[in-house]
N, C-alpha and C. Protein backbone atom coordinates (compact mmCIF):
# COMPACT_ATOMS: atom_id res chain seq x y z
N MET A 1 6.17 7.62 -2.21
CA MET A 1 5.58 8.24 -3.37
C MET A 1 4.35 7.47 -3.83
N LYS A 2 4.44 6.14 -3.75
CA LYS A 2 3.33 5.30 -4.18
C LYS A 2 2.12 5.50 -3.27
N LYS A 3 2.37 5.71 -1.97
CA LYS A 3 1.26 5.95 -1.04
C LYS A 3 0.55 7.25 -1.36
N ILE A 4 1.31 8.28 -1.71
CA ILE A 4 0.73 9.59 -2.02
C ILE A 4 -0.12 9.50 -3.28
N LEU A 5 0.40 8.83 -4.32
CA LEU A 5 -0.37 8.67 -5.56
C LEU A 5 -1.63 7.85 -5.32
N HIS A 6 -1.52 6.83 -4.48
CA HIS A 6 -2.69 6.01 -4.16
C HIS A 6 -3.74 6.85 -3.43
N LEU A 7 -3.31 7.66 -2.50
CA LEU A 7 -4.22 8.52 -1.76
C LEU A 7 -4.88 9.55 -2.68
N LEU A 8 -4.09 10.19 -3.55
CA LEU A 8 -4.65 11.18 -4.46
C LEU A 8 -5.65 10.57 -5.44
N SER A 9 -5.32 9.42 -6.01
CA SER A 9 -6.26 8.79 -6.95
C SER A 9 -7.51 8.33 -6.21
N GLY A 10 -7.39 7.89 -4.97
CA GLY A 10 -8.57 7.51 -4.19
C GLY A 10 -9.46 8.70 -3.91
N ILE A 11 -8.85 9.85 -3.61
CA ILE A 11 -9.64 11.06 -3.36
C ILE A 11 -10.36 11.50 -4.63
N ILE A 12 -9.66 11.46 -5.78
CA ILE A 12 -10.29 11.84 -7.05
C ILE A 12 -11.46 10.92 -7.37
N ILE A 13 -11.27 9.62 -7.20
CA ILE A 13 -12.35 8.67 -7.47
C ILE A 13 -13.52 8.94 -6.53
N TRP A 14 -13.25 9.17 -5.25
CA TRP A 14 -14.32 9.42 -4.30
C TRP A 14 -15.10 10.68 -4.66
N ILE A 15 -14.39 11.76 -5.02
CA ILE A 15 -15.05 13.01 -5.38
C ILE A 15 -15.92 12.82 -6.63
N LEU A 16 -15.39 12.08 -7.63
CA LEU A 16 -16.18 11.86 -8.84
C LEU A 16 -17.46 11.06 -8.55
N PHE A 17 -17.33 10.01 -7.77
CA PHE A 17 -18.52 9.21 -7.43
C PHE A 17 -19.50 10.02 -6.58
N PHE A 18 -19.00 10.81 -5.65
CA PHE A 18 -19.86 11.63 -4.80
C PHE A 18 -20.61 12.67 -5.64
N ALA A 19 -19.87 13.34 -6.54
CA ALA A 19 -20.50 14.35 -7.39
C ALA A 19 -21.53 13.73 -8.32
N THR A 20 -21.22 12.58 -8.87
CA THR A 20 -22.19 11.89 -9.75
C THR A 20 -23.43 11.48 -8.97
N GLY A 21 -23.24 10.97 -7.76
CA GLY A 21 -24.38 10.58 -6.94
C GLY A 21 -25.25 11.77 -6.57
N CYS A 22 -24.62 12.89 -6.21
CA CYS A 22 -25.39 14.10 -5.90
C CYS A 22 -26.15 14.61 -7.12
N ALA A 23 -25.49 14.56 -8.29
CA ALA A 23 -26.16 15.01 -9.51
C ALA A 23 -27.35 14.11 -9.85
N LEU A 24 -27.21 12.80 -9.65
CA LEU A 24 -28.32 11.88 -9.92
C LEU A 24 -29.48 12.11 -8.97
N VAL A 25 -29.17 12.35 -7.71
CA VAL A 25 -30.24 12.62 -6.73
C VAL A 25 -30.94 13.93 -7.08
N HIS A 26 -30.16 14.96 -7.39
CA HIS A 26 -30.74 16.26 -7.73
C HIS A 26 -31.60 16.17 -8.99
N ALA A 27 -31.17 15.40 -9.98
CA ALA A 27 -31.92 15.29 -11.23
C ALA A 27 -33.25 14.58 -11.04
N ASN A 28 -33.38 13.78 -10.00
CA ASN A 28 -34.61 13.02 -9.80
C ASN A 28 -35.53 13.62 -8.75
N ILE A 29 -35.25 14.82 -8.30
CA ILE A 29 -36.16 15.50 -7.37
C ILE A 29 -37.31 16.09 -8.18
N LEU A 30 -38.52 15.92 -7.70
CA LEU A 30 -39.68 16.45 -8.40
C LEU A 30 -39.63 17.97 -8.44
N GLY A 31 -39.98 18.54 -9.59
CA GLY A 31 -40.02 19.98 -9.75
C GLY A 31 -38.73 20.58 -10.28
N VAL A 32 -37.67 19.79 -10.42
CA VAL A 32 -36.41 20.30 -10.96
C VAL A 32 -36.50 20.27 -12.48
N GLU A 33 -36.37 21.46 -13.09
CA GLU A 33 -36.49 21.53 -14.54
C GLU A 33 -35.13 21.41 -15.23
N LYS A 34 -34.09 22.02 -14.66
CA LYS A 34 -32.74 21.92 -15.23
C LYS A 34 -31.84 21.24 -14.22
N ASN A 35 -31.05 20.33 -14.68
CA ASN A 35 -30.12 19.69 -13.79
C ASN A 35 -28.72 19.71 -14.39
N VAL A 36 -27.79 19.15 -13.67
CA VAL A 36 -26.38 19.17 -14.07
C VAL A 36 -26.19 18.47 -15.40
N PHE A 37 -26.93 17.41 -15.64
CA PHE A 37 -26.75 16.65 -16.87
C PHE A 37 -27.18 17.44 -18.11
N ASP A 38 -28.07 18.43 -17.94
CA ASP A 38 -28.46 19.30 -19.05
C ASP A 38 -27.35 20.30 -19.37
N LEU A 39 -26.58 20.70 -18.37
CA LEU A 39 -25.52 21.68 -18.57
C LEU A 39 -24.26 21.06 -19.17
N VAL A 40 -24.00 19.82 -18.87
CA VAL A 40 -22.79 19.15 -19.35
C VAL A 40 -23.11 18.45 -20.66
N SER A 41 -22.40 18.82 -21.68
CA SER A 41 -22.63 18.15 -22.97
C SER A 41 -21.29 17.61 -23.48
N PHE A 42 -21.08 16.35 -23.24
CA PHE A 42 -19.89 15.67 -23.75
C PHE A 42 -20.29 14.91 -25.00
N HIS A 43 -19.57 15.17 -26.07
CA HIS A 43 -19.81 14.45 -27.31
C HIS A 43 -18.46 14.09 -27.93
N GLY A 44 -18.42 13.00 -28.63
CA GLY A 44 -17.25 12.63 -29.40
C GLY A 44 -16.02 12.37 -28.57
N TRP A 45 -14.92 13.03 -28.95
CA TRP A 45 -13.63 12.73 -28.34
C TRP A 45 -13.55 13.19 -26.90
N LYS A 46 -14.31 14.22 -26.48
CA LYS A 46 -14.28 14.68 -25.09
C LYS A 46 -14.83 13.59 -24.17
N ALA A 47 -15.92 12.98 -24.57
CA ALA A 47 -16.51 11.91 -23.76
C ALA A 47 -15.58 10.70 -23.72
N LEU A 48 -14.99 10.37 -24.87
CA LEU A 48 -14.07 9.23 -24.93
C LEU A 48 -12.85 9.48 -24.05
N PHE A 49 -12.25 10.66 -24.14
CA PHE A 49 -11.08 10.99 -23.33
C PHE A 49 -11.41 10.96 -21.84
N THR A 50 -12.56 11.53 -21.46
CA THR A 50 -12.96 11.54 -20.05
C THR A 50 -13.17 10.12 -19.53
N GLY A 51 -13.82 9.29 -20.32
CA GLY A 51 -14.05 7.90 -19.92
C GLY A 51 -12.75 7.13 -19.76
N ILE A 52 -11.84 7.29 -20.71
CA ILE A 52 -10.54 6.59 -20.63
C ILE A 52 -9.75 7.09 -19.42
N LEU A 53 -9.78 8.40 -19.18
CA LEU A 53 -9.07 8.95 -18.02
C LEU A 53 -9.62 8.38 -16.71
N LEU A 54 -10.93 8.30 -16.58
CA LEU A 54 -11.53 7.74 -15.37
C LEU A 54 -11.18 6.26 -15.21
N ILE A 55 -11.15 5.52 -16.31
CA ILE A 55 -10.78 4.10 -16.24
C ILE A 55 -9.33 3.95 -15.78
N PHE A 56 -8.43 4.78 -16.31
CA PHE A 56 -7.02 4.69 -15.90
C PHE A 56 -6.83 5.08 -14.43
N ILE A 57 -7.54 6.09 -13.97
CA ILE A 57 -7.44 6.47 -12.56
C ILE A 57 -7.92 5.34 -11.67
N ALA A 58 -9.04 4.72 -12.04
CA ALA A 58 -9.57 3.60 -11.25
C ALA A 58 -8.62 2.41 -11.27
N MET A 59 -8.03 2.11 -12.43
CA MET A 59 -7.09 0.99 -12.52
C MET A 59 -5.83 1.27 -11.71
N PHE A 60 -5.32 2.51 -11.77
CA PHE A 60 -4.14 2.85 -10.98
C PHE A 60 -4.42 2.71 -9.50
N TYR A 61 -5.61 3.11 -9.09
CA TYR A 61 -5.99 2.99 -7.68
C TYR A 61 -5.97 1.52 -7.25
N LEU A 62 -6.52 0.63 -8.08
CA LEU A 62 -6.53 -0.79 -7.72
C LEU A 62 -5.13 -1.39 -7.73
N ILE A 63 -4.32 -0.99 -8.69
CA ILE A 63 -2.95 -1.53 -8.77
C ILE A 63 -2.11 -1.06 -7.59
N SER A 64 -2.25 0.20 -7.21
CA SER A 64 -1.43 0.73 -6.11
C SER A 64 -1.90 0.22 -4.75
N PHE A 65 -3.07 -0.38 -4.70
CA PHE A 65 -3.58 -0.92 -3.45
C PHE A 65 -3.03 -2.30 -3.16
N GLY A 66 -2.41 -2.94 -4.15
CA GLY A 66 -1.92 -4.31 -4.01
C GLY A 66 -0.78 -4.44 -3.01
N PRO A 67 -0.42 -5.67 -2.69
CA PRO A 67 0.66 -5.89 -1.72
C PRO A 67 2.00 -5.40 -2.25
N ARG A 68 2.82 -4.97 -1.34
CA ARG A 68 4.14 -4.48 -1.72
C ARG A 68 5.16 -5.60 -1.59
N ARG A 69 6.13 -5.52 -2.42
CA ARG A 69 7.23 -6.49 -2.34
C ARG A 69 8.20 -6.02 -1.26
N SER A 70 8.64 -6.95 -0.47
CA SER A 70 9.62 -6.58 0.54
C SER A 70 11.02 -6.63 -0.10
N LYS A 71 11.79 -5.62 0.21
CA LYS A 71 13.14 -5.57 -0.33
C LYS A 71 14.05 -6.44 0.53
N ASP A 72 14.83 -7.27 -0.12
CA ASP A 72 15.80 -8.07 0.60
C ASP A 72 16.99 -7.19 0.94
N ARG A 73 17.24 -7.11 2.23
CA ARG A 73 18.39 -6.32 2.67
C ARG A 73 19.48 -7.28 3.12
N TYR A 74 20.68 -6.88 2.86
CA TYR A 74 21.83 -7.70 3.23
C TYR A 74 22.76 -6.90 4.13
N ILE A 75 23.38 -7.63 5.03
CA ILE A 75 24.39 -7.05 5.90
C ILE A 75 25.73 -7.62 5.45
N ALA A 76 26.67 -6.76 5.19
CA ALA A 76 27.98 -7.19 4.71
C ALA A 76 29.05 -6.86 5.75
N PHE A 77 29.90 -7.83 5.99
CA PHE A 77 31.05 -7.66 6.88
C PHE A 77 32.31 -7.79 6.03
N ASP A 78 33.09 -6.74 6.00
CA ASP A 78 34.32 -6.75 5.20
C ASP A 78 35.51 -7.07 6.09
N PHE A 79 36.32 -8.02 5.63
CA PHE A 79 37.55 -8.39 6.31
C PHE A 79 38.70 -8.18 5.35
N GLY A 80 39.89 -8.36 5.82
CA GLY A 80 41.06 -8.19 4.96
C GLY A 80 41.10 -9.18 3.81
N ASP A 81 40.63 -10.41 4.05
CA ASP A 81 40.70 -11.45 3.02
C ASP A 81 39.43 -11.53 2.17
N GLY A 82 38.38 -10.85 2.54
CA GLY A 82 37.13 -10.92 1.77
C GLY A 82 35.97 -10.37 2.58
N SER A 83 34.78 -10.68 2.13
CA SER A 83 33.60 -10.17 2.83
C SER A 83 32.56 -11.28 2.96
N VAL A 84 31.70 -11.12 3.95
CA VAL A 84 30.62 -12.06 4.20
C VAL A 84 29.32 -11.27 4.20
N SER A 85 28.31 -11.76 3.49
CA SER A 85 27.00 -11.11 3.46
C SER A 85 25.93 -12.07 3.96
N ILE A 86 24.97 -11.52 4.70
CA ILE A 86 23.86 -12.33 5.19
C ILE A 86 22.59 -11.48 5.05
N SER A 87 21.51 -12.12 4.66
CA SER A 87 20.27 -11.36 4.48
C SER A 87 19.55 -11.20 5.82
N THR A 88 18.84 -10.10 5.95
CA THR A 88 18.09 -9.87 7.19
C THR A 88 16.93 -10.85 7.31
N ASN A 89 16.41 -11.33 6.18
CA ASN A 89 15.34 -12.33 6.24
C ASN A 89 15.82 -13.64 6.85
N SER A 90 17.07 -14.02 6.59
CA SER A 90 17.58 -15.26 7.18
C SER A 90 17.76 -15.09 8.69
N ILE A 91 18.13 -13.90 9.13
CA ILE A 91 18.22 -13.63 10.57
C ILE A 91 16.85 -13.73 11.22
N LEU A 92 15.84 -13.14 10.56
CA LEU A 92 14.46 -13.20 11.08
C LEU A 92 13.97 -14.64 11.16
N ASP A 93 14.21 -15.43 10.12
CA ASP A 93 13.78 -16.84 10.13
C ASP A 93 14.47 -17.64 11.24
N TYR A 94 15.75 -17.40 11.43
CA TYR A 94 16.48 -18.11 12.48
C TYR A 94 15.93 -17.77 13.86
N ILE A 95 15.66 -16.49 14.11
CA ILE A 95 15.14 -16.10 15.42
C ILE A 95 13.74 -16.68 15.64
N ARG A 96 12.91 -16.70 14.60
CA ARG A 96 11.56 -17.28 14.74
C ARG A 96 11.62 -18.77 15.05
N LYS A 97 12.60 -19.47 14.49
CA LYS A 97 12.74 -20.91 14.76
C LYS A 97 13.17 -21.18 16.19
N LEU A 98 13.77 -20.19 16.83
CA LEU A 98 14.21 -20.38 18.22
C LEU A 98 13.03 -20.54 19.17
N SER A 99 11.84 -20.10 18.78
CA SER A 99 10.68 -20.23 19.68
C SER A 99 10.34 -21.70 19.94
N GLY A 100 10.68 -22.59 19.02
CA GLY A 100 10.44 -24.01 19.23
C GLY A 100 11.44 -24.67 20.16
N GLU A 101 12.53 -24.01 20.46
CA GLU A 101 13.57 -24.57 21.31
C GLU A 101 13.27 -24.46 22.80
N PHE A 102 12.38 -23.55 23.16
CA PHE A 102 12.08 -23.31 24.56
C PHE A 102 10.60 -23.57 24.80
N SER A 103 10.30 -24.32 25.85
CA SER A 103 8.90 -24.71 26.10
C SER A 103 8.04 -23.55 26.59
N THR A 104 8.63 -22.55 27.17
CA THR A 104 7.83 -21.43 27.70
C THR A 104 7.59 -20.32 26.68
N VAL A 105 8.24 -20.41 25.52
CA VAL A 105 8.09 -19.38 24.49
C VAL A 105 6.97 -19.80 23.54
N VAL A 106 5.94 -18.97 23.44
CA VAL A 106 4.84 -19.24 22.51
C VAL A 106 5.21 -18.76 21.11
N SER A 107 5.66 -17.51 21.01
CA SER A 107 6.06 -16.98 19.70
C SER A 107 7.07 -15.85 19.89
N ILE A 108 7.82 -15.62 18.83
CA ILE A 108 8.79 -14.53 18.81
C ILE A 108 8.54 -13.73 17.53
N ASP A 109 8.42 -12.42 17.66
CA ASP A 109 8.25 -11.54 16.51
C ASP A 109 9.43 -10.57 16.46
N PRO A 110 10.46 -10.89 15.66
CA PRO A 110 11.65 -10.04 15.62
C PRO A 110 11.53 -8.93 14.58
N LYS A 111 12.22 -7.84 14.84
CA LYS A 111 12.36 -6.75 13.88
C LYS A 111 13.84 -6.40 13.83
N VAL A 112 14.41 -6.44 12.62
CA VAL A 112 15.84 -6.17 12.44
C VAL A 112 16.01 -4.80 11.80
N ARG A 113 16.83 -3.98 12.41
CA ARG A 113 17.17 -2.67 11.86
C ARG A 113 18.66 -2.63 11.60
N VAL A 114 19.03 -2.24 10.41
CA VAL A 114 20.43 -2.16 10.04
C VAL A 114 20.82 -0.69 10.00
N GLU A 115 21.78 -0.34 10.79
CA GLU A 115 22.31 1.01 10.80
C GLU A 115 23.74 0.95 10.30
N LYS A 116 24.46 2.03 10.35
CA LYS A 116 25.78 2.11 9.73
C LYS A 116 26.68 0.94 10.11
N ASP A 117 27.07 0.85 11.36
CA ASP A 117 27.96 -0.22 11.79
C ASP A 117 27.31 -1.09 12.85
N GLN A 118 25.98 -1.09 12.88
CA GLN A 118 25.28 -1.83 13.93
C GLN A 118 24.09 -2.58 13.36
N ILE A 119 23.72 -3.61 14.09
CA ILE A 119 22.49 -4.34 13.83
C ILE A 119 21.67 -4.27 15.11
N SER A 120 20.43 -3.81 15.00
CA SER A 120 19.54 -3.76 16.16
C SER A 120 18.42 -4.75 15.93
N ILE A 121 18.19 -5.61 16.92
CA ILE A 121 17.12 -6.60 16.83
C ILE A 121 16.18 -6.37 17.99
N ASP A 122 14.93 -6.06 17.66
CA ASP A 122 13.88 -5.89 18.66
C ASP A 122 13.03 -7.15 18.66
N LEU A 123 12.77 -7.69 19.85
CA LEU A 123 11.99 -8.92 19.97
C LEU A 123 10.71 -8.67 20.73
N MET A 124 9.61 -9.16 20.17
CA MET A 124 8.34 -9.21 20.88
C MET A 124 8.12 -10.70 21.19
N VAL A 125 8.26 -11.05 22.45
CA VAL A 125 8.21 -12.45 22.87
C VAL A 125 6.95 -12.71 23.66
N ASN A 126 6.17 -13.70 23.24
CA ASN A 126 4.99 -14.15 23.99
C ASN A 126 5.38 -15.40 24.76
N LEU A 127 5.18 -15.35 26.08
CA LEU A 127 5.56 -16.46 26.95
C LEU A 127 4.33 -17.11 27.55
N VAL A 128 4.48 -18.37 27.94
CA VAL A 128 3.42 -19.06 28.67
C VAL A 128 3.35 -18.51 30.08
N ALA A 129 2.15 -18.25 30.56
CA ALA A 129 1.99 -17.67 31.91
C ALA A 129 2.38 -18.67 32.96
């Protein structure tokens, strides 16, 4: 949902800047007697509301462009006497540390997927030639 709102606000900002740029170019062409700025008359609260709306759209666009927080996911194993939980980030960190254990491994890039009763780990391993 956040991506869609970011895209829509970006499109609105782009259209407003494009339209303003076209209107400014058209207004400065020699021989043009009436331009868009003569037709639009914003006064008082209309101008204030339009300005505030444009500022909020621009601010929302900048805020939605920021980095996203990663959600900590946990895997829980239930037993008769209790349960054990482990975070997927700790699994990723452990697998990344394994690259230092082997001399031929340059780096390991793991991806953990948690499904109903399974854990899938995909590894991208860079090795020394």
